[in-house]
Amino acid sequence: WGLLPLIAREELGMGASGYGVLLAALGVGAIVGALLMPRVRVRF
């Protein structure tokens, strides 16, 4: 969360929109995780 802007700009050569895509990937994963949570709570 603290260094992702630098990863986007310096390591991956991405601009502001690309940084938004990387954060969107985090958000997509979180939403998938939330949908799986009821099953995970039962099985693990």
ModelCIF file with pLDDT and N, C-alpha, C, O atoms, coordinates in Angstrom:
data_MODEL
#
_entry.id   MODEL 
#
_entity.id                         1 
_entity.type                       polymer 
_entity.pdbx_number_of_molecules   1 
#
_entity_poly.entity_id                      1 
_entity_poly.type                           'polypeptide(L)' 
_entity_poly.nstd_linkage                   no 
_entity_poly.nstd_monomer                   no 
_entity_poly.pdbx_seq_one_letter_code       WGLLPLIAREELGMGASGYGVLLAALGVGAIVGALLMPRVRVRF 
_entity_poly.pdbx_seq_one_letter_code_can   WGLLPLIAREELGMGASGYGVLLAALGVGAIVGALLMPRVRVRF 
_entity_poly.pdbx_strand_id                 A 
#
loop_
_entity_poly_seq.entity_id 
_entity_poly_seq.num 
_entity_poly_seq.mon_id 
_entity_poly_seq.hetero 
1 1  TRP n 
1 2  GLY n 
1 3  LEU n 
1 4  LEU n 
1 5  PRO n 
1 6  LEU n 
1 7  ILE n 
1 8  ALA n 
1 9  ARG n 
1 10 GLU n 
1 11 GLU n 
1 12 LEU n 
1 13 GLY n 
1 14 MET n 
1 15 GLY n 
1 16 ALA n 
1 17 SER n 
1 18 GLY n 
1 19 TYR n 
1 20 GLY n 
1 21 VAL n 
1 22 LEU n 
1 23 LEU n 
1 24 ALA n 
1 25 ALA n 
1 26 LEU n 
1 27 GLY n 
1 28 VAL n 
1 29 GLY n 
1 30 ALA n 
1 31 ILE n 
1 32 VAL n 
1 33 GLY n 
1 34 ALA n 
1 35 LEU n 
1 36 LEU n 
1 37 MET n 
1 38 PRO n 
1 39 ARG n 
1 40 VAL n 
1 41 ARG n 
1 42 VAL n 
1 43 ARG n 
1 44 PHE n 
#
_struct_asym.id          A 
_struct_asym.entity_id   1 
#
loop_
_ma_qa_metric.id 
_ma_qa_metric.mode 
_ma_qa_metric.name 
_ma_qa_metric.software_group_id 
_ma_qa_metric.type 
1 global pLDDT . pLDDT 
2 local  pLDDT . pLDDT 
#
_ma_qa_metric_global.metric_id      1 
_ma_qa_metric_global.metric_value   81.75 
_ma_qa_metric_global.model_id       1 
_ma_qa_metric_global.ordinal_id     1 
#
loop_
_ma_qa_metric_local.label_asym_id 
_ma_qa_metric_local.label_comp_id 
_ma_qa_metric_local.label_seq_id 
_ma_qa_metric_local.metric_id 
_ma_qa_metric_local.metric_value 
_ma_qa_metric_local.model_id 
_ma_qa_metric_local.ordinal_id 
A TRP 1  2 82.00 1 1  
A GLY 2  2 80.00 1 2  
A LEU 3  2 87.00 1 3  
A LEU 4  2 86.00 1 4  
A PRO 5  2 82.00 1 5  
A LEU 6  2 86.00 1 6  
A ILE 7  2 88.00 1 7  
A ALA 8  2 86.00 1 8  
A ARG 9  2 83.00 1 9  
A GLU 10 2 85.00 1 10 
A GLU 11 2 85.00 1 11 
A LEU 12 2 86.00 1 12 
A GLY 13 2 85.00 1 13 
A MET 14 2 85.00 1 14 
A GLY 15 2 78.00 1 15 
A ALA 16 2 67.00 1 16 
A SER 17 2 72.00 1 17 
A GLY 18 2 81.00 1 18 
A TYR 19 2 78.00 1 19 
A GLY 20 2 73.00 1 20 
A VAL 21 2 83.00 1 21 
A LEU 22 2 86.00 1 22 
A LEU 23 2 77.00 1 23 
A ALA 24 2 79.00 1 24 
A ALA 25 2 86.00 1 25 
A LEU 26 2 83.00 1 26 
A GLY 27 2 77.00 1 27 
A VAL 28 2 83.00 1 28 
A GLY 29 2 86.00 1 29 
A ALA 30 2 80.00 1 30 
A ILE 31 2 78.00 1 31 
A VAL 32 2 85.00 1 32 
A GLY 33 2 83.00 1 33 
A ALA 34 2 75.00 1 34 
A LEU 35 2 79.00 1 35 
A LEU 36 2 84.00 1 36 
A MET 37 2 79.00 1 37 
A PRO 38 2 76.00 1 38 
A ARG 39 2 83.00 1 39 
A VAL 40 2 85.00 1 40 
A ARG 41 2 80.00 1 41 
A VAL 42 2 80.00 1 42 
A ARG 43 2 88.00 1 43 
A PHE 44 2 87.00 1 44 
#
loop_
_atom_site.group_PDB 
_atom_site.id 
_atom_site.type_symbol 
_atom_site.label_atom_id 
_atom_site.label_alt_id 
_atom_site.label_comp_id 
_atom_site.label_asym_id 
_atom_site.label_entity_id 
_atom_site.label_seq_id 
_atom_site.pdbx_PDB_ins_code 
_atom_site.Cartn_x 
_atom_site.Cartn_y 
_atom_site.Cartn_z 
_atom_site.occupancy 
_atom_site.B_iso_or_equiv 
_atom_site.pdbx_formal_charge 
_atom_site.auth_seq_id 
_atom_site.auth_comp_id 
_atom_site.auth_asym_id 
_atom_site.auth_atom_id 
_atom_site.pdbx_PDB_model_num 
ATOM 1   N N  . TRP A 1 1  ? 0.827   -1.210  0.000   1.00 82.00 ? 1  TRP A N  1 
ATOM 2   C CA . TRP A 1 1  ? 0.000   0.000   0.000   1.00 82.00 ? 1  TRP A CA 1 
ATOM 3   C C  . TRP A 1 1  ? 0.862   1.261   0.000   1.00 82.00 ? 1  TRP A C  1 
ATOM 4   O O  . TRP A 1 1  ? 0.491   2.261   -0.615  1.00 82.00 ? 1  TRP A O  1 
ATOM 5   N N  . GLY A 1 2  ? 1.994   1.224   0.675   1.00 80.00 ? 2  GLY A N  1 
ATOM 6   C CA . GLY A 1 2  ? 2.815   2.421   0.778   1.00 80.00 ? 2  GLY A CA 1 
ATOM 7   C C  . GLY A 1 2  ? 3.693   2.689   -0.436  1.00 80.00 ? 2  GLY A C  1 
ATOM 8   O O  . GLY A 1 2  ? 3.985   3.842   -0.753  1.00 80.00 ? 2  GLY A O  1 
ATOM 9   N N  . LEU A 1 3  ? 4.118   1.614   -1.124  1.00 87.00 ? 3  LEU A N  1 
ATOM 10  C CA . LEU A 1 3  ? 5.121   1.788   -2.189  1.00 87.00 ? 3  LEU A CA 1 
ATOM 11  C C  . LEU A 1 3  ? 4.610   1.413   -3.578  1.00 87.00 ? 3  LEU A C  1 
ATOM 12  O O  . LEU A 1 3  ? 5.376   1.438   -4.540  1.00 87.00 ? 3  LEU A O  1 
ATOM 13  N N  . LEU A 1 4  ? 3.350   1.073   -3.695  1.00 86.00 ? 4  LEU A N  1 
ATOM 14  C CA . LEU A 1 4  ? 2.838   0.670   -4.999  1.00 86.00 ? 4  LEU A CA 1 
ATOM 15  C C  . LEU A 1 4  ? 2.957   1.771   -6.061  1.00 86.00 ? 4  LEU A C  1 
ATOM 16  O O  . LEU A 1 4  ? 3.209   1.446   -7.222  1.00 86.00 ? 4  LEU A O  1 
ATOM 17  N N  . PRO A 1 5  ? 2.789   3.057   -5.722  1.00 82.00 ? 5  PRO A N  1 
ATOM 18  C CA . PRO A 1 5  ? 2.993   4.080   -6.763  1.00 82.00 ? 5  PRO A CA 1 
ATOM 19  C C  . PRO A 1 5  ? 4.390   4.027   -7.370  1.00 82.00 ? 5  PRO A C  1 
ATOM 20  O O  . PRO A 1 5  ? 4.560   4.236   -8.571  1.00 82.00 ? 5  PRO A O  1 
ATOM 21  N N  . LEU A 1 6  ? 5.391   3.744   -6.533  1.00 86.00 ? 6  LEU A N  1 
ATOM 22  C CA . LEU A 1 6  ? 6.755   3.676   -7.041  1.00 86.00 ? 6  LEU A CA 1 
ATOM 23  C C  . LEU A 1 6  ? 6.977   2.409   -7.866  1.00 86.00 ? 6  LEU A C  1 
ATOM 24  O O  . LEU A 1 6  ? 7.700   2.435   -8.862  1.00 86.00 ? 6  LEU A O  1 
ATOM 25  N N  . ILE A 1 7  ? 6.362   1.310   -7.457  1.00 88.00 ? 7  ILE A N  1 
ATOM 26  C CA . ILE A 1 7  ? 6.432   0.085   -8.257  1.00 88.00 ? 7  ILE A CA 1 
ATOM 27  C C  . ILE A 1 7  ? 5.845   0.355   -9.645  1.00 88.00 ? 7  ILE A C  1 
ATOM 28  O O  . ILE A 1 7  ? 6.414   -0.053  -10.658 1.00 88.00 ? 7  ILE A O  1 
ATOM 29  N N  . ALA A 1 8  ? 4.699   1.049   -9.680  1.00 86.00 ? 8  ALA A N  1 
ATOM 30  C CA . ALA A 1 8  ? 4.047   1.345   -10.956 1.00 86.00 ? 8  ALA A CA 1 
ATOM 31  C C  . ALA A 1 8  ? 4.937   2.212   -11.836 1.00 86.00 ? 8  ALA A C  1 
ATOM 32  O O  . ALA A 1 8  ? 5.094   1.934   -13.025 1.00 86.00 ? 8  ALA A O  1 
ATOM 33  N N  . ARG A 1 9  ? 5.519   3.256   -11.262 1.00 83.00 ? 9  ARG A N  1 
ATOM 34  C CA . ARG A 1 9  ? 6.265   4.229   -12.075 1.00 83.00 ? 9  ARG A CA 1 
ATOM 35  C C  . ARG A 1 9  ? 7.686   3.766   -12.391 1.00 83.00 ? 9  ARG A C  1 
ATOM 36  O O  . ARG A 1 9  ? 8.125   3.854   -13.537 1.00 83.00 ? 9  ARG A O  1 
ATOM 37  N N  . GLU A 1 10 ? 8.418   3.264   -11.366 1.00 85.00 ? 10 GLU A N  1 
ATOM 38  C CA . GLU A 1 10 ? 9.839   2.989   -11.553 1.00 85.00 ? 10 GLU A CA 1 
ATOM 39  C C  . GLU A 1 10 ? 10.124  1.566   -12.032 1.00 85.00 ? 10 GLU A C  1 
ATOM 40  O O  . GLU A 1 10 ? 11.007  1.364   -12.866 1.00 85.00 ? 10 GLU A O  1 
ATOM 41  N N  . GLU A 1 11 ? 9.399   0.592   -11.524 1.00 85.00 ? 11 GLU A N  1 
ATOM 42  C CA . GLU A 1 11 ? 9.671   -0.798  -11.882 1.00 85.00 ? 11 GLU A CA 1 
ATOM 43  C C  . GLU A 1 11 ? 8.905   -1.250  -13.121 1.00 85.00 ? 11 GLU A C  1 
ATOM 44  O O  . GLU A 1 11 ? 9.417   -2.023  -13.931 1.00 85.00 ? 11 GLU A O  1 
ATOM 45  N N  . LEU A 1 12 ? 7.657   -0.753  -13.263 1.00 86.00 ? 12 LEU A N  1 
ATOM 46  C CA . LEU A 1 12 ? 6.805   -1.233  -14.357 1.00 86.00 ? 12 LEU A CA 1 
ATOM 47  C C  . LEU A 1 12 ? 6.579   -0.182  -15.439 1.00 86.00 ? 12 LEU A C  1 
ATOM 48  O O  . LEU A 1 12 ? 5.979   -0.489  -16.469 1.00 86.00 ? 12 LEU A O  1 
ATOM 49  N N  . GLY A 1 13 ? 7.046   1.051   -15.232 1.00 85.00 ? 13 GLY A N  1 
ATOM 50  C CA . GLY A 1 13 ? 6.897   2.105   -16.235 1.00 85.00 ? 13 GLY A CA 1 
ATOM 51  C C  . GLY A 1 13 ? 5.462   2.474   -16.524 1.00 85.00 ? 13 GLY A C  1 
ATOM 52  O O  . GLY A 1 13 ? 5.114   2.728   -17.677 1.00 85.00 ? 13 GLY A O  1 
ATOM 53  N N  . MET A 1 14 ? 4.610   2.512   -15.496 1.00 85.00 ? 14 MET A N  1 
ATOM 54  C CA . MET A 1 14 ? 3.186   2.808   -15.663 1.00 85.00 ? 14 MET A CA 1 
ATOM 55  C C  . MET A 1 14 ? 2.888   4.200   -15.136 1.00 85.00 ? 14 MET A C  1 
ATOM 56  O O  . MET A 1 14 ? 3.557   4.681   -14.221 1.00 85.00 ? 14 MET A O  1 
ATOM 57  N N  . GLY A 1 15 ? 1.874   4.851   -15.719 1.00 78.00 ? 15 GLY A N  1 
ATOM 58  C CA . GLY A 1 15 ? 1.455   6.168   -15.279 1.00 78.00 ? 15 GLY A CA 1 
ATOM 59  C C  . GLY A 1 15 ? 0.340   6.095   -14.255 1.00 78.00 ? 15 GLY A C  1 
ATOM 60  O O  . GLY A 1 15 ? 0.133   5.058   -13.625 1.00 78.00 ? 15 GLY A O  1 
ATOM 61  N N  . ALA A 1 16 ? -0.388  7.211   -14.087 1.00 67.00 ? 16 ALA A N  1 
ATOM 62  C CA . ALA A 1 16 ? -1.459  7.271   -13.083 1.00 67.00 ? 16 ALA A CA 1 
ATOM 63  C C  . ALA A 1 16 ? -2.549  6.246   -13.375 1.00 67.00 ? 16 ALA A C  1 
ATOM 64  O O  . ALA A 1 16 ? -3.050  5.600   -12.455 1.00 67.00 ? 16 ALA A O  1 
ATOM 65  N N  . SER A 1 17 ? -2.917  6.090   -14.630 1.00 72.00 ? 17 SER A N  1 
ATOM 66  C CA . SER A 1 17 ? -3.958  5.112   -14.980 1.00 72.00 ? 17 SER A CA 1 
ATOM 67  C C  . SER A 1 17 ? -3.488  3.696   -14.692 1.00 72.00 ? 17 SER A C  1 
ATOM 68  O O  . SER A 1 17 ? -4.266  2.871   -14.213 1.00 72.00 ? 17 SER A O  1 
ATOM 69  N N  . GLY A 1 18 ? -2.213  3.401   -14.979 1.00 81.00 ? 18 GLY A N  1 
ATOM 70  C CA . GLY A 1 18 ? -1.673  2.079   -14.686 1.00 81.00 ? 18 GLY A CA 1 
ATOM 71  C C  . GLY A 1 18 ? -1.649  1.796   -13.194 1.00 81.00 ? 18 GLY A C  1 
ATOM 72  O O  . GLY A 1 18 ? -1.916  0.675   -12.761 1.00 81.00 ? 18 GLY A O  1 
ATOM 73  N N  . TYR A 1 19 ? -1.323  2.828   -12.403 1.00 78.00 ? 19 TYR A N  1 
ATOM 74  C CA . TYR A 1 19 ? -1.372  2.679   -10.942 1.00 78.00 ? 19 TYR A CA 1 
ATOM 75  C C  . TYR A 1 19 ? -2.779  2.329   -10.498 1.00 78.00 ? 19 TYR A C  1 
ATOM 76  O O  . TYR A 1 19 ? -2.970  1.493   -9.615  1.00 78.00 ? 19 TYR A O  1 
ATOM 77  N N  . GLY A 1 20 ? -3.765  2.970   -11.113 1.00 73.00 ? 20 GLY A N  1 
ATOM 78  C CA . GLY A 1 20 ? -5.155  2.645   -10.803 1.00 73.00 ? 20 GLY A CA 1 
ATOM 79  C C  . GLY A 1 20 ? -5.484  1.204   -11.148 1.00 73.00 ? 20 GLY A C  1 
ATOM 80  O O  . GLY A 1 20 ? -6.244  0.557   -10.427 1.00 73.00 ? 20 GLY A O  1 
ATOM 81  N N  . VAL A 1 21 ? -4.926  0.691   -12.237 1.00 83.00 ? 21 VAL A N  1 
ATOM 82  C CA . VAL A 1 21 ? -5.161  -0.712  -12.616 1.00 83.00 ? 21 VAL A CA 1 
ATOM 83  C C  . VAL A 1 21 ? -4.588  -1.659  -11.559 1.00 83.00 ? 21 VAL A C  1 
ATOM 84  O O  . VAL A 1 21 ? -5.224  -2.650  -11.202 1.00 83.00 ? 21 VAL A O  1 
ATOM 85  N N  . LEU A 1 22 ? -3.390  -1.354  -11.060 1.00 86.00 ? 22 LEU A N  1 
ATOM 86  C CA . LEU A 1 22 ? -2.780  -2.206  -10.034 1.00 86.00 ? 22 LEU A CA 1 
ATOM 87  C C  . LEU A 1 22 ? -3.623  -2.213  -8.756  1.00 86.00 ? 22 LEU A C  1 
ATOM 88  O O  . LEU A 1 22 ? -3.827  -3.264  -8.147  1.00 86.00 ? 22 LEU A O  1 
ATOM 89  N N  . LEU A 1 23 ? -4.105  -1.048  -8.358  1.00 77.00 ? 23 LEU A N  1 
ATOM 90  C CA . LEU A 1 23 ? -4.968  -1.005  -7.181  1.00 77.00 ? 23 LEU A CA 1 
ATOM 91  C C  . LEU A 1 23 ? -6.298  -1.704  -7.450  1.00 77.00 ? 23 LEU A C  1 
ATOM 92  O O  . LEU A 1 23 ? -6.872  -2.320  -6.552  1.00 77.00 ? 23 LEU A O  1 
ATOM 93  N N  . ALA A 1 24 ? -6.781  -1.610  -8.672  1.00 79.00 ? 24 ALA A N  1 
ATOM 94  C CA . ALA A 1 24 ? -8.006  -2.325  -9.027  1.00 79.00 ? 24 ALA A CA 1 
ATOM 95  C C  . ALA A 1 24 ? -7.805  -3.827  -8.903  1.00 79.00 ? 24 ALA A C  1 
ATOM 96  O O  . ALA A 1 24 ? -8.725  -4.542  -8.507  1.00 79.00 ? 24 ALA A O  1 
ATOM 97  N N  . ALA A 1 25 ? -6.605  -4.321  -9.239  1.00 86.00 ? 25 ALA A N  1 
ATOM 98  C CA . ALA A 1 25 ? -6.315  -5.745  -9.080  1.00 86.00 ? 25 ALA A CA 1 
ATOM 99  C C  . ALA A 1 25 ? -6.424  -6.159  -7.613  1.00 86.00 ? 25 ALA A C  1 
ATOM 100 O O  . ALA A 1 25 ? -6.967  -7.218  -7.299  1.00 86.00 ? 25 ALA A O  1 
ATOM 101 N N  . LEU A 1 26 ? -5.906  -5.320  -6.723  1.00 83.00 ? 26 LEU A N  1 
ATOM 102 C CA . LEU A 1 26 ? -6.070  -5.589  -5.294  1.00 83.00 ? 26 LEU A CA 1 
ATOM 103 C C  . LEU A 1 26 ? -7.550  -5.646  -4.919  1.00 83.00 ? 26 LEU A C  1 
ATOM 104 O O  . LEU A 1 26 ? -7.978  -6.523  -4.170  1.00 83.00 ? 26 LEU A O  1 
ATOM 105 N N  . GLY A 1 27 ? -8.320  -4.700  -5.448  1.00 77.00 ? 27 GLY A N  1 
ATOM 106 C CA . GLY A 1 27 ? -9.742  -4.657  -5.144  1.00 77.00 ? 27 GLY A CA 1 
ATOM 107 C C  . GLY A 1 27 ? -10.488 -5.869  -5.666  1.00 77.00 ? 27 GLY A C  1 
ATOM 108 O O  . GLY A 1 27 ? -11.358 -6.404  -4.979  1.00 77.00 ? 27 GLY A O  1 
ATOM 109 N N  . VAL A 1 28 ? -10.162 -6.309  -6.873  1.00 83.00 ? 28 VAL A N  1 
ATOM 110 C CA . VAL A 1 28 ? -10.808 -7.494  -7.447  1.00 83.00 ? 28 VAL A CA 1 
ATOM 111 C C  . VAL A 1 28 ? -10.521 -8.718  -6.579  1.00 83.00 ? 28 VAL A C  1 
ATOM 112 O O  . VAL A 1 28 ? -11.425 -9.501  -6.285  1.00 83.00 ? 28 VAL A O  1 
ATOM 113 N N  . GLY A 1 29 ? -9.263  -8.880  -6.172  1.00 86.00 ? 29 GLY A N  1 
ATOM 114 C CA . GLY A 1 29 ? -8.920  -9.997  -5.299  1.00 86.00 ? 29 GLY A CA 1 
ATOM 115 C C  . GLY A 1 29 ? -9.688  -9.959  -3.995  1.00 86.00 ? 29 GLY A C  1 
ATOM 116 O O  . GLY A 1 29 ? -10.138 -10.992 -3.499  1.00 86.00 ? 29 GLY A O  1 
ATOM 117 N N  . ALA A 1 30 ? -9.838  -8.767  -3.441  1.00 80.00 ? 30 ALA A N  1 
ATOM 118 C CA . ALA A 1 30 ? -10.563 -8.631  -2.180  1.00 80.00 ? 30 ALA A CA 1 
ATOM 119 C C  . ALA A 1 30 ? -12.033 -9.005  -2.341  1.00 80.00 ? 30 ALA A C  1 
ATOM 120 O O  . ALA A 1 30 ? -12.608 -9.652  -1.466  1.00 80.00 ? 30 ALA A O  1 
ATOM 121 N N  . ILE A 1 31 ? -12.631 -8.609  -3.437  1.00 78.00 ? 31 ILE A N  1 
ATOM 122 C CA . ILE A 1 31 ? -14.040 -8.936  -3.659  1.00 78.00 ? 31 ILE A CA 1 
ATOM 123 C C  . ILE A 1 31 ? -14.214 -10.444 -3.829  1.00 78.00 ? 31 ILE A C  1 
ATOM 124 O O  . ILE A 1 31 ? -15.155 -11.029 -3.293  1.00 78.00 ? 31 ILE A O  1 
ATOM 125 N N  . VAL A 1 32 ? -13.301 -11.071 -4.578  1.00 85.00 ? 32 VAL A N  1 
ATOM 126 C CA . VAL A 1 32 ? -13.349 -12.530 -4.728  1.00 85.00 ? 32 VAL A CA 1 
ATOM 127 C C  . VAL A 1 32 ? -13.196 -13.197 -3.357  1.00 85.00 ? 32 VAL A C  1 
ATOM 128 O O  . VAL A 1 32 ? -13.899 -14.158 -3.044  1.00 85.00 ? 32 VAL A O  1 
ATOM 129 N N  . GLY A 1 33 ? -12.282 -12.685 -2.554  1.00 83.00 ? 33 GLY A N  1 
ATOM 130 C CA . GLY A 1 33 ? -12.095 -13.232 -1.212  1.00 83.00 ? 33 GLY A CA 1 
ATOM 131 C C  . GLY A 1 33 ? -13.338 -13.110 -0.358  1.00 83.00 ? 33 GLY A C  1 
ATOM 132 O O  . GLY A 1 33 ? -13.679 -14.037 0.376   1.00 83.00 ? 33 GLY A O  1 
ATOM 133 N N  . ALA A 1 34 ? -14.027 -11.969 -0.443  1.00 75.00 ? 34 ALA A N  1 
ATOM 134 C CA . ALA A 1 34 ? -15.246 -11.770 0.335   1.00 75.00 ? 34 ALA A CA 1 
ATOM 135 C C  . ALA A 1 34 ? -16.333 -12.762 -0.082  1.00 75.00 ? 34 ALA A C  1 
ATOM 136 O O  . ALA A 1 34 ? -17.068 -13.278 0.761   1.00 75.00 ? 34 ALA A O  1 
ATOM 137 N N  . LEU A 1 35 ? -16.431 -13.026 -1.390  1.00 79.00 ? 35 LEU A N  1 
ATOM 138 C CA . LEU A 1 35 ? -17.425 -13.978 -1.875  1.00 79.00 ? 35 LEU A CA 1 
ATOM 139 C C  . LEU A 1 35 ? -17.104 -15.404 -1.423  1.00 79.00 ? 35 LEU A C  1 
ATOM 140 O O  . LEU A 1 35 ? -18.010 -16.213 -1.224  1.00 79.00 ? 35 LEU A O  1 
ATOM 141 N N  . LEU A 1 36 ? -15.818 -15.709 -1.263  1.00 84.00 ? 36 LEU A N  1 
ATOM 142 C CA . LEU A 1 36 ? -15.423 -17.046 -0.832  1.00 84.00 ? 36 LEU A CA 1 
ATOM 143 C C  . LEU A 1 36 ? -15.464 -17.220 0.681   1.00 84.00 ? 36 LEU A C  1 
ATOM 144 O O  . LEU A 1 36 ? -15.412 -18.349 1.170   1.00 84.00 ? 36 LEU A O  1 
ATOM 145 N N  . MET A 1 37 ? -15.556 -16.119 1.435   1.00 79.00 ? 37 MET A N  1 
ATOM 146 C CA . MET A 1 37 ? -15.448 -16.185 2.887   1.00 79.00 ? 37 MET A CA 1 
ATOM 147 C C  . MET A 1 37 ? -16.430 -17.141 3.549   1.00 79.00 ? 37 MET A C  1 
ATOM 148 O O  . MET A 1 37 ? -16.007 -17.903 4.417   1.00 79.00 ? 37 MET A O  1 
ATOM 149 N N  . PRO A 1 38 ? -17.735 -17.153 3.191   1.00 76.00 ? 38 PRO A N  1 
ATOM 150 C CA . PRO A 1 38 ? -18.641 -18.092 3.866   1.00 76.00 ? 38 PRO A CA 1 
ATOM 151 C C  . PRO A 1 38 ? -18.183 -19.543 3.752   1.00 76.00 ? 38 PRO A C  1 
ATOM 152 O O  . PRO A 1 38 ? -18.258 -20.293 4.726   1.00 76.00 ? 38 PRO A O  1 
ATOM 153 N N  . ARG A 1 39 ? -17.712 -19.944 2.578   1.00 83.00 ? 39 ARG A N  1 
ATOM 154 C CA . ARG A 1 39 ? -17.231 -21.322 2.405   1.00 83.00 ? 39 ARG A CA 1 
ATOM 155 C C  . ARG A 1 39 ? -15.932 -21.554 3.177   1.00 83.00 ? 39 ARG A C  1 
ATOM 156 O O  . ARG A 1 39 ? -15.728 -22.612 3.773   1.00 83.00 ? 39 ARG A O  1 
ATOM 157 N N  . VAL A 1 40 ? -15.064 -20.549 3.153   1.00 85.00 ? 40 VAL A N  1 
ATOM 158 C CA . VAL A 1 40 ? -13.787 -20.697 3.858   1.00 85.00 ? 40 VAL A CA 1 
ATOM 159 C C  . VAL A 1 40 ? -14.025 -20.833 5.361   1.00 85.00 ? 40 VAL A C  1 
ATOM 160 O O  . VAL A 1 40 ? -13.358 -21.633 6.017   1.00 85.00 ? 40 VAL A O  1 
ATOM 161 N N  . ARG A 1 41 ? -14.945 -20.080 5.906   1.00 80.00 ? 41 ARG A N  1 
ATOM 162 C CA . ARG A 1 41 ? -15.246 -20.146 7.341   1.00 80.00 ? 41 ARG A CA 1 
ATOM 163 C C  . ARG A 1 41 ? -15.740 -21.526 7.742   1.00 80.00 ? 41 ARG A C  1 
ATOM 164 O O  . ARG A 1 41 ? -15.461 -21.989 8.848   1.00 80.00 ? 41 ARG A O  1 
ATOM 165 N N  . VAL A 1 42 ? -16.473 -22.187 6.851   1.00 80.00 ? 42 VAL A N  1 
ATOM 166 C CA . VAL A 1 42 ? -16.996 -23.516 7.145   1.00 80.00 ? 42 VAL A CA 1 
ATOM 167 C C  . VAL A 1 42 ? -15.914 -24.583 7.021   1.00 80.00 ? 42 VAL A C  1 
ATOM 168 O O  . VAL A 1 42 ? -15.861 -25.507 7.833   1.00 80.00 ? 42 VAL A O  1 
ATOM 169 N N  . ARG A 1 43 ? -15.050 -24.465 6.012   1.00 88.00 ? 43 ARG A N  1 
ATOM 170 C CA . ARG A 1 43 ? -14.104 -25.536 5.693   1.00 88.00 ? 43 ARG A CA 1 
ATOM 171 C C  . ARG A 1 43 ? -12.793 -25.441 6.472   1.00 88.00 ? 43 ARG A C  1 
ATOM 172 O O  . ARG A 1 43 ? -12.131 -26.455 6.693   1.00 88.00 ? 43 ARG A O  1 
ATOM 173 N N  . PHE A 1 44 ? -12.414 -24.235 6.887   1.00 87.00 ? 44 PHE A N  1 
ATOM 174 C CA . PHE A 1 44 ? -11.108 -24.062 7.523   1.00 87.00 ? 44 PHE A CA 1 
ATOM 175 C C  . PHE A 1 44 ? -11.256 -23.403 8.885   1.00 87.00 ? 44 PHE A C  1 
ATOM 176 O O  . PHE A 1 44 ? -10.260 -23.176 9.572   1.00 87.00 ? 44 PHE A O  1 
#
